[in-house]
Amino acid sequence: MSPTDDNKFHISLRVIFDDQLYLGPGRADLLELIASTGSIAAASQKMGMSYKRAWEIVRALNTGFGSALVSSSRGGKTKGGAVLTNHGQMVLASYRSMQEKAAAAIKENVATVRAALNR
């Protein structure tokens, strides 16, 4: 965000469903990168995250949502890969929509608070 762009701000939305399941910006980014790279390994690398941690997140999301968000196949001759399922695409799109709606809902309040900054 540039210091002269008074309309820009960043929010961090985390939706907590229960003690075991949540969806936040990092998990959404991981899903988006899996979709764009076709690989959990490539997605984790782009995020600076260990492959093991990425797999833990994918497992937690697949288990928590009761239906796989990510479908993967092992490497080898076919080189494996990963894709978002239809369910995963819907969950990711819904989360991104929530982010946009939350930002729009607080825009006026952010402007008021920004105007009160003493800098």
N, C-alpha and C. Protein backbone atom coordinates (compact mmCIF):
# COMPACT_ATOMS: atom_id res chain seq x y z
N MET A 1 0.85 -1.17 0.00
CA MET A 1 0.00 0.00 0.00
C MET A 1 0.89 1.23 0.00
N SER A 2 0.62 2.12 -0.91
CA SER A 2 1.42 3.34 -0.95
C SER A 2 0.88 4.34 0.07
N PRO A 3 1.75 5.16 0.65
CA PRO A 3 1.30 6.07 1.70
C PRO A 3 0.30 7.11 1.21
N THR A 4 0.24 7.36 -0.09
CA THR A 4 -0.68 8.38 -0.60
C THR A 4 -2.02 7.80 -1.04
N ASP A 5 -2.15 6.49 -1.04
CA ASP A 5 -3.39 5.86 -1.48
C ASP A 5 -4.31 5.65 -0.28
N ASP A 6 -5.16 6.64 0.00
CA ASP A 6 -6.01 6.61 1.19
C ASP A 6 -7.17 5.63 1.09
N ASN A 7 -7.42 5.09 -0.07
CA ASN A 7 -8.53 4.15 -0.22
C ASN A 7 -8.11 2.71 -0.03
N LYS A 8 -6.82 2.45 0.07
CA LYS A 8 -6.33 1.07 0.19
C LYS A 8 -6.15 0.70 1.67
N PHE A 9 -6.51 -0.52 1.97
CA PHE A 9 -6.26 -1.08 3.29
C PHE A 9 -6.31 -2.60 3.15
N HIS A 10 -5.86 -3.26 4.17
CA HIS A 10 -5.80 -4.73 4.16
C HIS A 10 -6.54 -5.25 5.39
N ILE A 11 -7.36 -6.25 5.20
CA ILE A 11 -7.98 -6.94 6.33
C ILE A 11 -7.57 -8.40 6.29
N SER A 12 -7.60 -9.02 7.42
CA SER A 12 -7.30 -10.44 7.51
C SER A 12 -8.52 -11.13 8.09
N LEU A 13 -9.17 -11.92 7.27
CA LEU A 13 -10.40 -12.60 7.67
C LEU A 13 -10.12 -14.07 7.95
N ARG A 14 -10.44 -14.50 9.15
CA ARG A 14 -10.34 -15.91 9.51
C ARG A 14 -11.72 -16.36 9.95
N VAL A 15 -12.24 -17.38 9.29
CA VAL A 15 -13.55 -17.94 9.64
C VAL A 15 -13.29 -19.23 10.41
N ILE A 16 -13.69 -19.23 11.67
CA ILE A 16 -13.46 -20.37 12.55
C ILE A 16 -14.77 -21.15 12.68
N PHE A 17 -14.75 -22.37 12.20
CA PHE A 17 -15.94 -23.20 12.23
C PHE A 17 -16.05 -23.99 13.53
N ASP A 18 -14.93 -24.46 14.04
CA ASP A 18 -14.86 -25.13 15.34
C ASP A 18 -13.40 -25.16 15.78
N ASP A 19 -13.11 -25.85 16.88
CA ASP A 19 -11.74 -25.87 17.41
C ASP A 19 -10.73 -26.48 16.44
N GLN A 20 -11.19 -27.28 15.51
CA GLN A 20 -10.30 -27.99 14.59
C GLN A 20 -10.26 -27.40 13.18
N LEU A 21 -11.26 -26.63 12.80
CA LEU A 21 -11.38 -26.21 11.41
C LEU A 21 -11.56 -24.70 11.28
N TYR A 22 -10.69 -24.11 10.49
CA TYR A 22 -10.83 -22.70 10.15
C TYR A 22 -10.33 -22.48 8.73
N LEU A 23 -10.74 -21.36 8.17
CA LEU A 23 -10.27 -20.96 6.85
C LEU A 23 -9.85 -19.51 6.95
N GLY A 24 -8.60 -19.25 6.60
CA GLY A 24 -8.06 -17.91 6.67
C GLY A 24 -7.27 -17.60 5.42
N PRO A 25 -6.61 -16.44 5.39
CA PRO A 25 -5.91 -16.02 4.18
C PRO A 25 -4.80 -16.98 3.74
N GLY A 26 -4.05 -17.52 4.67
CA GLY A 26 -2.97 -18.44 4.30
C GLY A 26 -3.48 -19.72 3.69
N ARG A 27 -4.51 -20.28 4.29
CA ARG A 27 -5.09 -21.52 3.76
C ARG A 27 -5.73 -21.27 2.40
N ALA A 28 -6.39 -20.12 2.25
CA ALA A 28 -6.99 -19.79 0.95
C ALA A 28 -5.89 -19.60 -0.10
N ASP A 29 -4.81 -18.93 0.28
CA ASP A 29 -3.70 -18.74 -0.66
C ASP A 29 -3.12 -20.09 -1.07
N LEU A 30 -2.99 -21.02 -0.11
CA LEU A 30 -2.48 -22.35 -0.43
C LEU A 30 -3.40 -23.05 -1.44
N LEU A 31 -4.70 -23.00 -1.20
CA LEU A 31 -5.64 -23.61 -2.14
C LEU A 31 -5.53 -22.97 -3.52
N GLU A 32 -5.42 -21.66 -3.56
CA GLU A 32 -5.31 -20.95 -4.84
C GLU A 32 -4.04 -21.35 -5.58
N LEU A 33 -2.94 -21.48 -4.85
CA LEU A 33 -1.68 -21.88 -5.48
C LEU A 33 -1.69 -23.33 -5.93
N ILE A 34 -2.36 -24.19 -5.18
CA ILE A 34 -2.50 -25.58 -5.62
C ILE A 34 -3.28 -25.60 -6.93
N ALA A 35 -4.34 -24.80 -7.00
CA ALA A 35 -5.14 -24.74 -8.23
C ALA A 35 -4.32 -24.22 -9.40
N SER A 36 -3.49 -23.22 -9.17
CA SER A 36 -2.75 -22.62 -10.29
C SER A 36 -1.50 -23.41 -10.68
N THR A 37 -0.88 -24.12 -9.72
CA THR A 37 0.34 -24.86 -10.03
C THR A 37 0.08 -26.33 -10.31
N GLY A 38 -1.03 -26.85 -9.82
CA GLY A 38 -1.32 -28.27 -9.99
C GLY A 38 -0.46 -29.15 -9.09
N SER A 39 0.09 -28.53 -8.02
CA SER A 39 1.02 -29.27 -7.19
C SER A 39 1.03 -28.71 -5.76
N ILE A 40 0.94 -29.61 -4.79
CA ILE A 40 1.07 -29.19 -3.39
C ILE A 40 2.50 -28.77 -3.12
N ALA A 41 3.46 -29.47 -3.68
CA ALA A 41 4.87 -29.14 -3.48
C ALA A 41 5.19 -27.76 -4.04
N ALA A 42 4.75 -27.48 -5.26
CA ALA A 42 5.02 -26.17 -5.87
C ALA A 42 4.32 -25.05 -5.11
N ALA A 43 3.09 -25.31 -4.67
CA ALA A 43 2.34 -24.31 -3.91
C ALA A 43 3.04 -24.01 -2.59
N SER A 44 3.48 -25.05 -1.90
CA SER A 44 4.16 -24.84 -0.61
C SER A 44 5.47 -24.08 -0.81
N GLN A 45 6.18 -24.40 -1.87
CA GLN A 45 7.44 -23.72 -2.16
C GLN A 45 7.21 -22.23 -2.42
N LYS A 46 6.18 -21.90 -3.19
CA LYS A 46 5.88 -20.50 -3.49
C LYS A 46 5.50 -19.73 -2.23
N MET A 47 4.94 -20.44 -1.25
CA MET A 47 4.54 -19.78 -0.01
C MET A 47 5.67 -19.77 1.03
N GLY A 48 6.78 -20.44 0.73
CA GLY A 48 7.85 -20.53 1.70
C GLY A 48 7.48 -21.43 2.87
N MET A 49 6.68 -22.42 2.59
CA MET A 49 6.15 -23.35 3.60
C MET A 49 6.71 -24.73 3.31
N SER A 50 6.91 -25.51 4.36
CA SER A 50 7.38 -26.87 4.12
C SER A 50 6.28 -27.70 3.46
N TYR A 51 6.71 -28.66 2.67
CA TYR A 51 5.78 -29.57 2.01
C TYR A 51 4.95 -30.31 3.05
N LYS A 52 5.60 -30.70 4.15
CA LYS A 52 4.89 -31.42 5.22
C LYS A 52 3.77 -30.56 5.80
N ARG A 53 4.06 -29.29 6.04
CA ARG A 53 3.05 -28.38 6.61
C ARG A 53 1.89 -28.19 5.62
N ALA A 54 2.20 -28.05 4.35
CA ALA A 54 1.16 -27.90 3.34
C ALA A 54 0.25 -29.13 3.33
N TRP A 55 0.86 -30.32 3.41
CA TRP A 55 0.07 -31.54 3.43
C TRP A 55 -0.80 -31.61 4.68
N GLU A 56 -0.28 -31.17 5.81
CA GLU A 56 -1.07 -31.16 7.05
C GLU A 56 -2.30 -30.27 6.89
N ILE A 57 -2.11 -29.12 6.25
CA ILE A 57 -3.23 -28.20 6.03
C ILE A 57 -4.25 -28.81 5.08
N VAL A 58 -3.78 -29.41 3.98
CA VAL A 58 -4.68 -30.04 3.02
C VAL A 58 -5.47 -31.15 3.71
N ARG A 59 -4.81 -31.97 4.49
CA ARG A 59 -5.51 -33.06 5.21
C ARG A 59 -6.55 -32.50 6.17
N ALA A 60 -6.18 -31.45 6.91
CA ALA A 60 -7.10 -30.84 7.86
C ALA A 60 -8.33 -30.27 7.14
N LEU A 61 -8.11 -29.62 6.01
CA LEU A 61 -9.24 -29.07 5.25
C LEU A 61 -10.10 -30.18 4.66
N ASN A 62 -9.48 -31.18 4.07
CA ASN A 62 -10.24 -32.29 3.49
C ASN A 62 -11.07 -33.00 4.54
N THR A 63 -10.47 -33.25 5.70
CA THR A 63 -11.19 -33.92 6.78
C THR A 63 -12.26 -33.02 7.36
N GLY A 64 -11.90 -31.79 7.65
CA GLY A 64 -12.82 -30.87 8.30
C GLY A 64 -14.06 -30.56 7.48
N PHE A 65 -13.91 -30.44 6.18
CA PHE A 65 -15.04 -30.12 5.33
C PHE A 65 -15.85 -31.36 4.96
N GLY A 66 -15.37 -32.54 5.36
CA GLY A 66 -16.13 -33.77 5.15
C GLY A 66 -16.14 -34.26 3.71
N SER A 67 -15.48 -33.54 2.85
CA SER A 67 -15.36 -33.90 1.44
C SER A 67 -14.09 -33.23 0.96
N ALA A 68 -13.34 -33.91 0.14
CA ALA A 68 -12.03 -33.38 -0.28
C ALA A 68 -12.15 -32.04 -0.98
N LEU A 69 -11.32 -31.09 -0.57
CA LEU A 69 -11.18 -29.82 -1.28
C LEU A 69 -10.06 -29.95 -2.31
N VAL A 70 -9.10 -30.82 -1.99
CA VAL A 70 -7.95 -31.06 -2.86
C VAL A 70 -7.87 -32.55 -3.14
N SER A 71 -7.73 -32.88 -4.41
CA SER A 71 -7.53 -34.26 -4.82
C SER A 71 -6.11 -34.36 -5.36
N SER A 72 -5.38 -35.37 -4.91
CA SER A 72 -3.98 -35.49 -5.34
C SER A 72 -3.68 -36.91 -5.78
N SER A 73 -2.63 -37.02 -6.60
CA SER A 73 -2.13 -38.32 -7.01
C SER A 73 -0.63 -38.33 -6.79
N ARG A 74 -0.10 -39.49 -6.46
CA ARG A 74 1.33 -39.63 -6.18
C ARG A 74 2.17 -39.37 -7.41
N GLY A 75 3.43 -39.07 -7.16
CA GLY A 75 4.39 -38.84 -8.24
C GLY A 75 4.75 -40.13 -8.95
N GLY A 76 5.92 -40.18 -9.49
CA GLY A 76 6.35 -41.35 -10.25
C GLY A 76 6.38 -41.02 -11.73
N LYS A 77 6.11 -42.02 -12.55
CA LYS A 77 6.15 -41.81 -14.00
C LYS A 77 5.15 -40.76 -14.47
N THR A 78 3.99 -40.71 -13.81
CA THR A 78 2.96 -39.75 -14.20
C THR A 78 3.18 -38.38 -13.56
N LYS A 79 4.16 -38.29 -12.69
CA LYS A 79 4.55 -37.06 -11.99
C LYS A 79 3.50 -36.54 -11.01
N GLY A 80 2.42 -37.24 -10.83
CA GLY A 80 1.44 -36.86 -9.83
C GLY A 80 0.87 -35.48 -10.04
N GLY A 81 0.31 -34.94 -8.98
CA GLY A 81 -0.25 -33.61 -9.05
C GLY A 81 -1.40 -33.45 -8.08
N ALA A 82 -1.96 -32.27 -8.08
CA ALA A 82 -3.08 -31.97 -7.19
C ALA A 82 -3.99 -30.96 -7.87
N VAL A 83 -5.27 -31.10 -7.62
CA VAL A 83 -6.27 -30.18 -8.16
C VAL A 83 -7.29 -29.88 -7.08
N LEU A 84 -7.94 -28.73 -7.21
CA LEU A 84 -9.07 -28.46 -6.34
C LEU A 84 -10.27 -29.20 -6.90
N THR A 85 -11.01 -29.82 -6.02
CA THR A 85 -12.25 -30.46 -6.43
C THR A 85 -13.30 -29.37 -6.66
N ASN A 86 -14.45 -29.74 -7.17
CA ASN A 86 -15.54 -28.76 -7.30
C ASN A 86 -15.88 -28.15 -5.95
N HIS A 87 -15.88 -29.00 -4.93
CA HIS A 87 -16.15 -28.54 -3.57
C HIS A 87 -15.08 -27.54 -3.12
N GLY A 88 -13.83 -27.84 -3.43
CA GLY A 88 -12.73 -26.94 -3.08
C GLY A 88 -12.83 -25.61 -3.81
N GLN A 89 -13.19 -25.65 -5.08
CA GLN A 89 -13.36 -24.42 -5.86
C GLN A 89 -14.47 -23.56 -5.27
N MET A 90 -15.57 -24.20 -4.86
CA MET A 90 -16.69 -23.47 -4.27
C MET A 90 -16.29 -22.85 -2.94
N VAL A 91 -15.59 -23.61 -2.10
CA VAL A 91 -15.16 -23.09 -0.80
C VAL A 91 -14.21 -21.91 -0.98
N LEU A 92 -13.24 -22.04 -1.88
CA LEU A 92 -12.29 -20.96 -2.12
C LEU A 92 -13.00 -19.72 -2.67
N ALA A 93 -13.87 -19.89 -3.65
CA ALA A 93 -14.60 -18.74 -4.22
C ALA A 93 -15.46 -18.06 -3.15
N SER A 94 -16.10 -18.85 -2.29
CA SER A 94 -16.93 -18.29 -1.23
C SER A 94 -16.09 -17.50 -0.23
N TYR A 95 -14.93 -18.04 0.12
CA TYR A 95 -14.05 -17.33 1.05
C TYR A 95 -13.57 -16.01 0.44
N ARG A 96 -13.16 -16.02 -0.83
CA ARG A 96 -12.71 -14.78 -1.48
C ARG A 96 -13.85 -13.77 -1.54
N SER A 97 -15.07 -14.23 -1.75
CA SER A 97 -16.23 -13.35 -1.74
C SER A 97 -16.44 -12.74 -0.35
N MET A 98 -16.28 -13.56 0.69
CA MET A 98 -16.39 -13.05 2.06
C MET A 98 -15.37 -11.95 2.32
N GLN A 99 -14.14 -12.14 1.84
CA GLN A 99 -13.09 -11.13 2.01
C GLN A 99 -13.51 -9.81 1.37
N GLU A 100 -14.01 -9.89 0.14
CA GLU A 100 -14.42 -8.68 -0.58
C GLU A 100 -15.57 -7.99 0.13
N LYS A 101 -16.55 -8.76 0.59
CA LYS A 101 -17.71 -8.18 1.28
C LYS A 101 -17.31 -7.56 2.61
N ALA A 102 -16.41 -8.21 3.33
CA ALA A 102 -15.95 -7.66 4.62
C ALA A 102 -15.21 -6.34 4.39
N ALA A 103 -14.35 -6.29 3.38
CA ALA A 103 -13.62 -5.05 3.08
C ALA A 103 -14.59 -3.93 2.72
N ALA A 104 -15.59 -4.23 1.91
CA ALA A 104 -16.57 -3.23 1.51
C ALA A 104 -17.38 -2.74 2.72
N ALA A 105 -17.70 -3.67 3.63
CA ALA A 105 -18.52 -3.32 4.79
C ALA A 105 -17.80 -2.37 5.75
N ILE A 106 -16.48 -2.45 5.82
CA ILE A 106 -15.76 -1.61 6.79
C ILE A 106 -15.05 -0.42 6.16
N LYS A 107 -15.22 -0.22 4.88
CA LYS A 107 -14.50 0.83 4.17
C LYS A 107 -14.70 2.21 4.81
N GLU A 108 -15.94 2.58 5.12
CA GLU A 108 -16.20 3.89 5.73
C GLU A 108 -15.53 4.02 7.10
N ASN A 109 -15.61 2.95 7.90
CA ASN A 109 -14.99 2.99 9.22
C ASN A 109 -13.48 3.12 9.12
N VAL A 110 -12.88 2.45 8.15
CA VAL A 110 -11.45 2.55 7.94
C VAL A 110 -11.08 3.99 7.58
N ALA A 111 -11.87 4.62 6.74
CA ALA A 111 -11.62 6.02 6.36
C ALA A 111 -11.71 6.93 7.57
N THR A 112 -12.67 6.69 8.44
CA THR A 112 -12.82 7.50 9.66
C THR A 112 -11.62 7.33 10.57
N VAL A 113 -11.20 6.10 10.77
CA VAL A 113 -10.04 5.83 11.62
C VAL A 113 -8.77 6.40 10.99
N ARG A 114 -8.64 6.25 9.67
CA ARG A 114 -7.47 6.79 8.98
C ARG A 114 -7.40 8.30 9.17
N ALA A 115 -8.55 8.99 9.12
CA ALA A 115 -8.58 10.44 9.28
C ALA A 115 -8.15 10.85 10.69
N ALA A 116 -8.31 9.94 11.64
CA ALA A 116 -7.95 10.24 13.02
C ALA A 116 -6.48 9.95 13.32
N LEU A 117 -5.76 9.39 12.34
CA LEU A 117 -4.33 9.09 12.56
C LEU A 117 -3.55 10.37 12.73
N ASN A 118 -2.66 10.40 13.69
CA ASN A 118 -1.79 11.55 13.92
C ASN A 118 -0.42 11.25 13.37
N ARG A 119 -0.24 11.42 12.08
CA ARG A 119 1.09 11.23 11.50
C ARG A 119 1.38 12.22 10.43
